[in-house]
Amino acid sequence: MTRAAARLGISQPALSAQLATLRDIFGDSLLLPGTPGKGMVLTPRADHLREPLRQALQALERVISTEPGFDPVSAQRVFTVGANDNASAIVAPPLIRMIGEAGYAGIRLAFRTIDFNRLPEQIESGEIDVALVSRVLPSASHVPLLQEEFRMAQRKDHPRGTEPPSLEEYAALTHVIVSGDGGSFRSAIDDLLKELGYARRVGMSVQYYSLVPLILQTTDLVCTLPALFLARYAGSLLSTPLPFEVNKFRLYATWHPRFNEDPGHAWLREQIDLCVMI
């Protein structure tokens, strides 16, 4: 109780008095002493109240914090975008350039990597305003930003030559893949190859797209990547069509629905969409 009171900025007796009032209102103890050293525990009634109260507090927060409008010229706001290095490379340069050229001095941007397992809570809390992802989150708001075909990349003087590979050759090559979660040696491409009766050798797995060009330029490994990413390295890498049909790479902007009507948030989403169209 003492620590809880300190977090709320009130005295422990004041918190005890408020708890007594809540107990009278709800007709329940709400909090009971737990195991020694473990503080207080919720009663079943209090635990049942947690979710509706959380939603009510979020609604109140929106009423208090939502601006009647958003003027990027006068606004003072930090926006946080969650993205891997590929998505950041697509969106960050034009977005930062646009903000600088427009003179939005009070707008600051933070780009950070995504832990997909924590992403739902991060966008709900506002820790991340908008995430750029290749797969959408259940119950999250989202809009499609772009779709691109996949191509196979290799160094320009690769001993296999420059012609598009056959399915047999593609499977025989040694591949590097990008694993967003880190450490995986399998992707949807491998599932597709299995359906076609083939298997490829994945000799290396990296967590960052930006490492792949450095690896391809100095080895005989190949990699299957979105065409838009490979276009940045056209001077040092060769890309060829794949010998099979595969779903296109898709990029989405996603955020928590509680920010749907936030004017500043809506402005950020619009700017991201415009940047992808450039």
Protein backbone atom coordinates (compact mmCIF):
# COMPACT_ATOMS: atom_id res chain seq x y z
CA MET A 1 0.00 0.00 0.00
CA THR A 2 2.85 2.37 0.81
CA ARG A 3 4.46 1.91 -2.62
CA ALA A 4 1.09 2.26 -4.37
CA ALA A 5 0.39 5.49 -2.51
CA ALA A 6 3.80 6.86 -3.50
CA ARG A 7 3.14 6.07 -7.17
CA LEU A 8 -0.18 7.94 -6.94
CA GLY A 9 1.41 10.90 -5.17
CA ILE A 10 -0.77 10.63 -2.05
CA SER A 11 -0.22 9.51 1.53
CA GLN A 12 -0.81 5.93 2.63
CA PRO A 13 -3.70 6.93 4.96
CA ALA A 14 -5.36 8.80 2.08
CA LEU A 15 -5.10 5.73 -0.14
CA SER A 16 -6.53 3.54 2.62
CA ALA A 17 -9.47 5.93 2.95
CA GLN A 18 -10.12 5.80 -0.81
CA LEU A 19 -9.93 2.00 -0.77
CA ALA A 20 -12.48 1.94 2.06
CA THR A 21 -14.82 4.11 -0.04
CA LEU A 22 -14.45 1.78 -3.04
CA ARG A 23 -15.16 -1.24 -0.84
CA ASP A 24 -18.41 0.40 0.27
CA ILE A 25 -19.37 1.24 -3.33
CA PHE A 26 -18.72 -2.25 -4.70
CA GLY A 27 -19.67 -4.21 -1.59
CA ASP A 28 -16.44 -6.19 -1.81
CA SER A 29 -13.03 -6.22 -0.12
CA LEU A 30 -11.36 -5.75 -3.55
CA LEU A 31 -7.85 -6.24 -2.09
CA LEU A 32 -6.74 -8.83 0.44
CA PRO A 33 -3.36 -9.51 2.06
CA GLY A 34 -1.32 -11.93 -0.03
CA THR A 35 1.55 -14.22 0.81
CA PRO A 36 3.92 -12.51 3.28
CA GLY A 37 6.21 -10.22 1.32
CA LYS A 38 3.96 -10.31 -1.77
CA GLY A 39 1.70 -7.37 -0.90
CA MET A 40 -2.02 -7.41 -1.73
CA VAL A 41 -3.98 -9.63 -4.11
CA LEU A 42 -7.18 -8.92 -6.03
CA THR A 43 -10.45 -10.54 -5.07
CA PRO A 44 -12.40 -12.23 -7.91
CA ARG A 45 -14.71 -9.21 -7.99
CA ALA A 46 -11.78 -6.79 -8.37
CA ASP A 47 -10.19 -8.95 -11.06
CA HIS A 48 -13.49 -8.90 -12.97
CA LEU A 49 -13.49 -5.08 -12.82
CA ARG A 50 -9.99 -4.66 -14.27
CA GLU A 51 -10.79 -4.80 -17.98
CA PRO A 52 -13.92 -2.57 -18.03
CA LEU A 53 -12.14 -0.03 -15.82
CA ARG A 54 -9.08 -0.08 -18.09
CA GLN A 55 -11.30 0.62 -21.11
CA ALA A 56 -13.12 3.40 -19.27
CA LEU A 57 -9.84 5.05 -18.28
CA GLN A 58 -8.57 4.84 -21.86
CA ALA A 59 -11.77 6.49 -23.09
CA LEU A 60 -11.33 9.25 -20.50
CA GLU A 61 -7.72 9.70 -21.59
CA ARG A 62 -8.85 10.17 -25.19
CA VAL A 63 -11.38 12.82 -24.15
CA ILE A 64 -8.74 14.72 -22.18
CA SER A 65 -5.78 14.38 -24.52
CA THR A 66 -7.31 14.49 -27.99
CA GLU A 67 -6.67 17.81 -29.64
CA PRO A 68 -9.51 19.55 -31.51
CA GLY A 69 -7.18 19.69 -34.48
CA PHE A 70 -3.56 19.12 -35.36
CA ASP A 71 -1.32 21.78 -36.82
CA PRO A 72 2.13 20.33 -37.64
CA VAL A 73 3.54 23.85 -37.92
CA SER A 74 2.92 24.66 -34.26
CA ALA A 75 2.66 21.16 -32.76
CA GLN A 76 5.27 19.84 -30.33
CA ARG A 77 5.09 16.07 -30.58
CA VAL A 78 7.29 12.98 -30.77
CA PHE A 79 6.05 10.15 -33.00
CA THR A 80 7.49 6.65 -32.66
CA VAL A 81 7.44 4.32 -35.67
CA GLY A 82 8.17 0.63 -35.21
CA ALA A 83 9.79 -1.05 -38.21
CA ASN A 84 12.56 -3.39 -39.29
CA ASP A 85 15.48 -1.91 -41.19
CA ASN A 86 13.93 -2.63 -44.60
CA ALA A 87 10.66 -0.83 -43.83
CA SER A 88 12.56 1.99 -42.11
CA ALA A 89 14.70 2.47 -45.22
CA ILE A 90 11.53 2.77 -47.32
CA VAL A 91 9.70 5.27 -45.10
CA ALA A 92 12.22 7.14 -42.93
CA PRO A 93 14.22 9.10 -45.56
CA PRO A 94 11.23 10.65 -47.41
CA LEU A 95 9.32 11.23 -44.17
CA ILE A 96 12.21 13.02 -42.47
CA ARG A 97 12.92 15.02 -45.63
CA MET A 98 9.28 16.09 -45.89
CA ILE A 99 9.15 17.23 -42.27
CA GLY A 100 12.39 19.18 -42.66
CA GLU A 101 11.38 20.86 -45.92
CA ALA A 102 7.98 21.82 -44.51
CA GLY A 103 9.55 23.45 -41.47
CA TYR A 104 7.75 21.33 -38.88
CA ALA A 105 10.34 22.11 -36.20
CA GLY A 106 8.26 20.74 -33.33
CA ILE A 107 7.77 17.30 -34.89
CA ARG A 108 10.34 14.69 -33.94
CA LEU A 109 10.52 11.09 -35.13
CA ALA A 110 11.86 7.97 -33.46
CA PHE A 111 12.28 4.79 -35.51
CA ARG A 112 12.78 1.61 -33.50
CA THR A 113 12.92 -2.11 -34.22
CA ILE A 114 9.90 -4.33 -33.61
CA ASP A 115 9.51 -7.23 -31.22
CA PHE A 116 6.45 -8.77 -32.86
CA ASN A 117 5.55 -10.66 -29.68
CA ARG A 118 5.27 -7.39 -27.75
CA LEU A 119 3.83 -5.29 -30.56
CA PRO A 120 0.13 -5.56 -29.54
CA GLU A 121 0.82 -4.08 -26.11
CA GLN A 122 3.26 -1.52 -27.52
CA ILE A 123 0.74 -0.02 -29.94
CA GLU A 124 -2.02 -0.17 -27.33
CA SER A 125 0.04 1.75 -24.77
CA GLY A 126 1.25 4.25 -27.37
CA GLU A 127 4.86 3.19 -26.88
CA ILE A 128 4.79 2.74 -30.67
CA ASP A 129 2.43 5.01 -32.59
CA VAL A 130 2.50 3.21 -35.94
CA ALA A 131 4.18 -0.06 -36.85
CA LEU A 132 5.24 -1.02 -40.37
CA VAL A 133 4.67 -4.76 -40.73
CA SER A 134 4.38 -7.46 -43.38
CA ARG A 135 1.53 -9.21 -41.57
CA VAL A 136 -1.38 -7.54 -39.82
CA LEU A 137 -2.25 -7.93 -36.16
CA PRO A 138 -5.66 -9.32 -35.18
CA SER A 139 -8.05 -6.56 -34.09
CA ALA A 140 -5.55 -3.79 -34.96
CA SER A 141 -6.34 -1.03 -37.42
CA HIS A 142 -4.22 -1.15 -40.56
CA VAL A 143 -3.87 0.12 -44.12
CA PRO A 144 -1.86 -1.45 -46.97
CA LEU A 145 1.11 0.66 -48.05
CA LEU A 146 2.71 -1.26 -50.91
CA GLN A 147 3.25 -4.64 -52.50
CA GLU A 148 6.34 -5.80 -54.37
CA GLU A 149 7.44 -8.93 -56.16
CA PHE A 150 10.25 -11.08 -54.79
CA ARG A 151 13.45 -11.62 -56.78
CA MET A 152 16.62 -13.62 -56.29
CA ALA A 153 19.76 -11.57 -55.60
CA GLN A 154 23.42 -12.49 -56.11
CA ARG A 155 26.74 -10.74 -56.68
CA LYS A 156 27.30 -9.59 -60.24
CA ASP A 157 30.29 -11.87 -60.81
CA HIS A 158 28.64 -14.94 -59.32
CA PRO A 159 30.02 -18.14 -60.89
CA ARG A 160 26.53 -19.36 -61.78
CA GLY A 161 26.19 -16.61 -64.39
CA THR A 162 23.50 -14.00 -64.86
CA GLU A 163 20.54 -15.90 -66.32
CA PRO A 164 17.43 -16.47 -64.20
CA PRO A 165 17.79 -19.80 -62.36
CA SER A 166 15.78 -22.90 -63.09
CA LEU A 167 13.87 -24.42 -60.19
CA GLU A 168 16.52 -27.13 -59.88
CA GLU A 169 19.35 -24.59 -59.80
CA TYR A 170 17.54 -22.35 -57.32
CA ALA A 171 17.15 -25.28 -54.92
CA ALA A 172 20.80 -26.30 -55.35
CA LEU A 173 22.19 -22.87 -54.44
CA THR A 174 23.11 -21.90 -50.87
CA HIS A 175 20.77 -19.24 -49.51
CA VAL A 176 20.83 -16.60 -46.80
CA ILE A 177 17.46 -15.60 -45.34
CA VAL A 178 16.25 -12.74 -43.17
CA SER A 179 14.60 -13.95 -39.99
CA GLY A 180 12.76 -11.15 -38.23
CA ASP A 181 12.62 -13.10 -34.96
CA GLY A 182 16.24 -14.17 -35.35
CA GLY A 183 17.75 -17.59 -35.90
CA SER A 184 15.17 -19.28 -38.11
CA PHE A 185 16.42 -21.18 -41.15
CA ARG A 186 13.02 -21.56 -42.76
CA SER A 187 10.49 -19.23 -44.41
CA ALA A 188 7.34 -19.38 -46.51
CA ILE A 189 9.58 -19.95 -49.55
CA ASP A 190 10.63 -23.31 -48.10
CA ASP A 191 7.00 -24.33 -47.62
CA LEU A 192 6.31 -23.47 -51.24
CA LEU A 193 9.34 -25.41 -52.47
CA LYS A 194 8.23 -28.43 -50.46
CA GLU A 195 4.87 -28.36 -52.26
CA LEU A 196 6.80 -28.37 -55.55
CA GLY A 197 8.92 -31.32 -54.44
CA TYR A 198 12.12 -29.38 -53.74
CA ALA A 199 14.18 -28.25 -50.77
CA ARG A 200 16.86 -25.58 -50.68
CA ARG A 201 19.89 -25.26 -48.41
CA VAL A 202 19.75 -22.23 -46.14
CA GLY A 203 23.33 -21.75 -45.02
CA MET A 204 22.91 -18.51 -43.12
CA SER A 205 20.21 -16.61 -41.24
CA VAL A 206 20.41 -12.92 -40.32
CA GLN A 207 18.03 -10.64 -38.47
CA TYR A 208 18.68 -7.49 -40.49
CA TYR A 209 18.09 -6.81 -44.17
CA SER A 210 21.02 -4.40 -44.27
CA LEU A 211 23.47 -7.26 -43.69
CA VAL A 212 22.40 -9.18 -46.78
CA PRO A 213 24.05 -6.99 -49.47
CA LEU A 214 27.36 -7.12 -47.59
CA ILE A 215 27.16 -10.91 -47.46
CA LEU A 216 26.12 -11.36 -51.09
CA GLN A 217 28.87 -9.06 -52.39
CA THR A 218 31.61 -11.25 -50.90
CA THR A 219 30.20 -14.80 -51.11
CA ASP A 220 28.41 -17.15 -53.49
CA LEU A 221 25.26 -17.10 -51.37
CA VAL A 222 21.98 -15.90 -52.87
CA CYS A 223 18.92 -14.37 -51.25
CA THR A 224 15.25 -13.90 -52.13
CA LEU A 225 14.17 -10.35 -51.32
CA PRO A 226 11.58 -7.70 -52.27
CA ALA A 227 12.41 -5.93 -55.54
CA LEU A 228 12.14 -2.48 -53.93
CA PHE A 229 14.85 -3.37 -51.43
CA LEU A 230 17.12 -4.77 -54.14
CA ALA A 231 16.72 -1.66 -56.29
CA ARG A 232 18.86 0.24 -53.76
CA TYR A 233 21.77 -2.09 -54.50
CA ALA A 234 21.49 -2.30 -58.28
CA GLY A 235 25.08 -1.09 -58.60
CA SER A 236 26.58 -4.06 -56.79
CA LEU A 237 23.99 -6.84 -56.95
CA LEU A 238 22.17 -8.62 -59.74
CA SER A 239 18.54 -9.62 -59.26
CA THR A 240 16.62 -12.11 -61.39
CA PRO A 241 13.04 -13.38 -61.51
CA LEU A 242 12.20 -16.44 -59.43
CA PRO A 243 11.51 -19.77 -61.17
CA PHE A 244 8.16 -20.14 -59.37
CA GLU A 245 5.13 -18.07 -58.41
CA VAL A 246 5.09 -16.65 -54.91
CA ASN A 247 2.87 -14.19 -53.08
CA LYS A 248 4.10 -10.62 -53.24
CA PHE A 249 5.80 -8.85 -50.36
CA ARG A 250 3.25 -6.62 -48.63
CA LEU A 251 3.83 -3.77 -46.21
CA TYR A 252 1.12 -2.43 -43.89
CA ALA A 253 0.88 0.41 -41.42
CA THR A 254 -0.85 -0.77 -38.25
CA TRP A 255 -1.90 0.93 -35.01
CA HIS A 256 -4.30 0.49 -32.12
CA PRO A 257 -7.94 1.42 -32.84
CA ARG A 258 -8.04 3.75 -29.85
CA PHE A 259 -5.92 6.19 -31.89
CA ASN A 260 -8.22 6.14 -34.92
CA GLU A 261 -9.63 9.59 -34.18
CA ASP A 262 -6.46 11.19 -32.83
CA PRO A 263 -5.77 14.11 -35.25
CA GLY A 264 -1.99 13.98 -34.81
CA HIS A 265 -1.94 10.24 -35.25
CA ALA A 266 -4.07 10.51 -38.37
CA TRP A 267 -1.67 13.13 -39.74
CA LEU A 268 1.30 10.80 -39.21
CA ARG A 269 -0.46 7.93 -40.97
CA GLU A 270 -1.26 10.17 -43.91
CA GLN A 271 2.37 11.31 -44.21
CA ILE A 272 3.61 7.71 -44.14
CA ASP A 273 1.19 6.80 -46.90
CA LEU A 274 2.34 9.76 -48.99
CA CYS A 275 6.01 8.84 -48.48
CA VAL A 276 5.48 5.34 -49.82
CA MET A 277 3.81 6.79 -52.92
CA ILE A 278 6.82 9.00 -53.73
